[in-house]
């Protein structure tokens, strides 16, 4: 028989993968037929950040890397650059996950905002060094701003709809073992 904790982890990993595929599917639908000045948030990254700060065991790095690499392929971005930046940011946040459970939400929100801003700036910088055509800088800033603004909604969805909450103190001891 499978251990209930392992089964729960696998279930939430499957939910994360399913939500990621659903987000990618919705993003590739041809809804954007006219030029739309409204920027869309990077929901895949926000979902990964929200989950890794609450339950790092539900979001393995290879799963996130595969999902973000698939988005690189689908959206025809330079292969692996955004994936590498997101994985680095995810591991940065994973290392601070135990601290964020004790901090108030605005501090977590600021940490995610700073991390998202840093990886977006690094992406712009690397693309500029290699002279890769990019969208206007204001569009990139707008996407970061919209993503940061939507983060509380992603956290609320993750916590109240999906059920991804920080572990109880008794569970934390079991996770460290």
Protein backbone atom coordinates (compact mmCIF):
# COMPACT_ATOMS: atom_id res chain seq x y z
CA UNK A 1 0.00 0.00 0.00
CA UNK A 2 1.04 3.55 -0.63
CA UNK A 3 1.73 5.79 2.34
CA UNK A 4 -1.06 8.41 2.69
CA UNK A 5 1.46 11.27 2.80
CA UNK A 6 3.09 10.07 -0.44
CA UNK A 7 -0.31 9.65 -2.07
CA UNK A 8 -1.28 13.18 -1.01
CA UNK A 9 1.97 14.60 -2.43
CA UNK A 10 1.45 12.78 -5.73
CA UNK A 11 -2.13 13.99 -5.87
CA UNK A 12 -1.14 17.62 -5.41
CA UNK A 13 1.66 17.25 -7.95
CA UNK A 14 -0.91 15.94 -10.43
CA UNK A 15 -3.20 18.87 -9.59
CA UNK A 16 -0.31 21.29 -10.19
CA UNK A 17 0.45 19.65 -13.54
CA UNK A 18 -3.23 19.69 -14.48
CA UNK A 19 -3.65 23.36 -13.57
CA UNK A 20 -0.50 24.19 -15.53
CA UNK A 21 -1.77 22.39 -18.63
CA UNK A 22 -5.14 24.14 -18.26
CA UNK A 23 -3.44 27.55 -18.00
CA UNK A 24 -1.27 26.81 -21.05
CA UNK A 25 -4.30 25.61 -23.01
CA UNK A 26 -6.26 28.77 -22.20
CA UNK A 27 -3.29 30.98 -23.10
CA UNK A 28 -2.87 29.44 -26.55
CA UNK A 29 -6.54 29.82 -27.46
CA UNK A 30 -7.04 32.53 -30.11
CA UNK A 31 -8.74 35.08 -27.83
CA UNK A 32 -6.22 37.79 -28.66
CA UNK A 33 -7.31 38.58 -32.21
CA UNK A 34 -7.03 42.37 -31.84
CA UNK A 35 -4.17 44.29 -30.33
CA UNK A 36 -4.88 44.32 -26.63
CA UNK A 37 -2.93 46.77 -24.46
CA UNK A 38 -3.79 44.81 -21.30
CA UNK A 39 -0.99 42.57 -20.17
CA UNK A 40 -1.67 39.10 -18.82
CA UNK A 41 -0.10 37.89 -15.58
CA UNK A 42 2.35 35.02 -15.64
CA UNK A 43 0.03 32.59 -13.87
CA UNK A 44 2.35 29.59 -14.19
CA UNK A 45 5.13 31.34 -12.31
CA UNK A 46 2.73 32.77 -9.72
CA UNK A 47 1.18 29.35 -9.12
CA UNK A 48 4.61 27.79 -8.66
CA UNK A 49 5.72 30.57 -6.30
CA UNK A 50 2.55 30.38 -4.21
CA UNK A 51 2.79 26.60 -3.87
CA UNK A 52 6.52 26.49 -3.12
CA UNK A 53 6.12 29.01 -0.31
CA UNK A 54 3.32 26.98 1.25
CA UNK A 55 4.18 23.37 0.49
CA UNK A 56 7.58 22.93 -1.17
CA UNK A 57 7.11 19.15 -1.25
CA UNK A 58 4.14 19.56 -3.64
CA UNK A 59 6.22 21.36 -6.30
CA UNK A 60 9.28 19.38 -7.41
CA UNK A 61 11.79 21.39 -9.39
CA UNK A 62 11.72 19.04 -12.40
CA UNK A 63 7.94 19.40 -12.72
CA UNK A 64 8.17 23.20 -12.70
CA UNK A 65 11.10 23.12 -15.14
CA UNK A 66 9.13 20.89 -17.51
CA UNK A 67 6.05 23.13 -17.34
CA UNK A 68 7.98 26.37 -17.88
CA UNK A 69 10.04 24.79 -20.68
CA UNK A 70 6.79 23.74 -22.35
CA UNK A 71 5.58 27.35 -22.09
CA UNK A 72 8.88 28.51 -23.64
CA UNK A 73 8.23 26.18 -26.57
CA UNK A 74 4.56 27.14 -26.97
CA UNK A 75 5.16 30.89 -26.76
CA UNK A 76 8.33 30.76 -28.87
CA UNK A 77 10.59 32.32 -26.26
CA UNK A 78 14.32 31.59 -26.21
CA UNK A 79 14.49 27.99 -25.03
CA UNK A 80 15.51 27.57 -21.45
CA UNK A 81 16.27 31.17 -20.47
CA UNK A 82 12.98 31.88 -18.70
CA UNK A 83 12.97 28.30 -17.42
CA UNK A 84 16.40 28.71 -15.83
CA UNK A 85 15.44 32.03 -14.26
CA UNK A 86 12.18 30.66 -12.87
CA UNK A 87 13.90 27.55 -11.48
CA UNK A 88 16.56 29.72 -9.81
CA UNK A 89 13.85 31.96 -8.32
CA UNK A 90 11.85 28.92 -7.23
CA UNK A 91 14.83 27.47 -5.40
CA UNK A 92 15.52 30.87 -3.83
CA UNK A 93 11.95 30.95 -2.53
CA UNK A 94 12.05 27.28 -1.51
CA UNK A 95 14.96 28.11 0.78
CA UNK A 96 12.86 30.80 2.42
CA UNK A 97 9.66 28.75 2.64
CA UNK A 98 10.12 27.92 6.30
CA UNK A 99 10.49 31.64 7.07
CA UNK A 100 7.52 32.78 5.02
CA UNK A 101 5.08 30.63 7.00
CA UNK A 102 5.87 32.76 10.05
CA UNK A 103 5.84 36.10 8.23
CA UNK A 104 2.71 38.13 7.45
CA UNK A 105 1.31 37.94 3.94
CA UNK A 106 2.40 41.46 2.85
CA UNK A 107 6.03 40.49 3.50
CA UNK A 108 5.60 37.32 1.42
CA UNK A 109 3.94 39.39 -1.30
CA UNK A 110 6.87 41.82 -1.31
CA UNK A 111 9.33 38.90 -1.48
CA UNK A 112 7.51 37.44 -4.48
CA UNK A 113 7.31 40.88 -6.11
CA UNK A 114 11.04 41.43 -5.68
CA UNK A 115 11.84 37.95 -6.98
CA UNK A 116 9.57 38.34 -10.01
CA UNK A 117 11.03 41.77 -10.75
CA UNK A 118 14.57 40.42 -10.47
CA UNK A 119 14.03 37.51 -12.86
CA UNK A 120 12.19 39.74 -15.33
CA UNK A 121 15.06 42.24 -15.24
CA UNK A 122 17.58 39.42 -15.68
CA UNK A 123 15.59 38.13 -18.65
CA UNK A 124 15.56 41.58 -20.26
CA UNK A 125 19.27 42.02 -19.60
CA UNK A 126 20.27 38.66 -21.10
CA UNK A 127 18.08 39.22 -24.16
CA UNK A 128 19.56 42.71 -24.59
CA UNK A 129 23.13 41.41 -24.35
CA UNK A 130 22.43 38.96 -27.17
CA UNK A 131 20.41 41.56 -29.11
CA UNK A 132 17.28 39.44 -29.22
CA UNK A 133 14.16 41.42 -30.21
CA UNK A 134 11.99 42.14 -27.18
CA UNK A 135 8.65 43.73 -26.45
CA UNK A 136 8.76 47.34 -25.28
CA UNK A 137 10.10 47.80 -21.75
CA UNK A 138 6.78 49.30 -20.62
CA UNK A 139 4.99 46.10 -21.66
CA UNK A 140 7.40 44.04 -19.56
CA UNK A 141 6.92 46.37 -16.58
CA UNK A 142 3.16 46.16 -17.03
CA UNK A 143 3.27 42.35 -17.03
CA UNK A 144 5.33 42.35 -13.82
CA UNK A 145 2.95 44.85 -12.22
CA UNK A 146 -0.14 42.87 -13.22
CA UNK A 147 1.47 39.62 -12.05
CA UNK A 148 2.31 41.11 -8.66
CA UNK A 149 -1.23 42.49 -8.37
CA UNK A 150 -2.78 39.09 -9.17
CA UNK A 151 -0.57 37.14 -6.73
CA UNK A 152 -3.01 37.41 -3.78
CA UNK A 153 -5.77 35.95 -5.97
CA UNK A 154 -3.53 33.02 -6.93
CA UNK A 155 -2.74 32.44 -3.25
CA UNK A 156 -6.44 32.60 -2.34
CA UNK A 157 -7.31 30.16 -5.13
CA UNK A 158 -4.52 27.81 -4.04
CA UNK A 159 -5.52 27.93 -0.38
CA UNK A 160 -9.31 27.96 -0.51
CA UNK A 161 -10.14 26.10 -3.73
CA UNK A 162 -7.25 23.66 -4.12
CA UNK A 163 -6.35 23.38 -0.44
CA UNK A 164 -2.63 24.15 -0.55
CA UNK A 165 -1.94 25.50 2.92
CA UNK A 166 1.22 25.64 5.01
CA UNK A 167 1.76 22.47 7.02
CA UNK A 168 0.69 22.33 10.64
CA UNK A 169 3.53 22.33 13.22
CA UNK A 170 3.10 18.59 13.74
CA UNK A 171 3.34 18.02 9.98
CA UNK A 172 6.50 20.13 9.72
CA UNK A 173 8.37 17.74 11.97
CA UNK A 174 7.36 14.84 9.72
CA UNK A 175 8.48 16.69 6.60
CA UNK A 176 11.97 17.33 7.98
CA UNK A 177 12.56 13.69 8.83
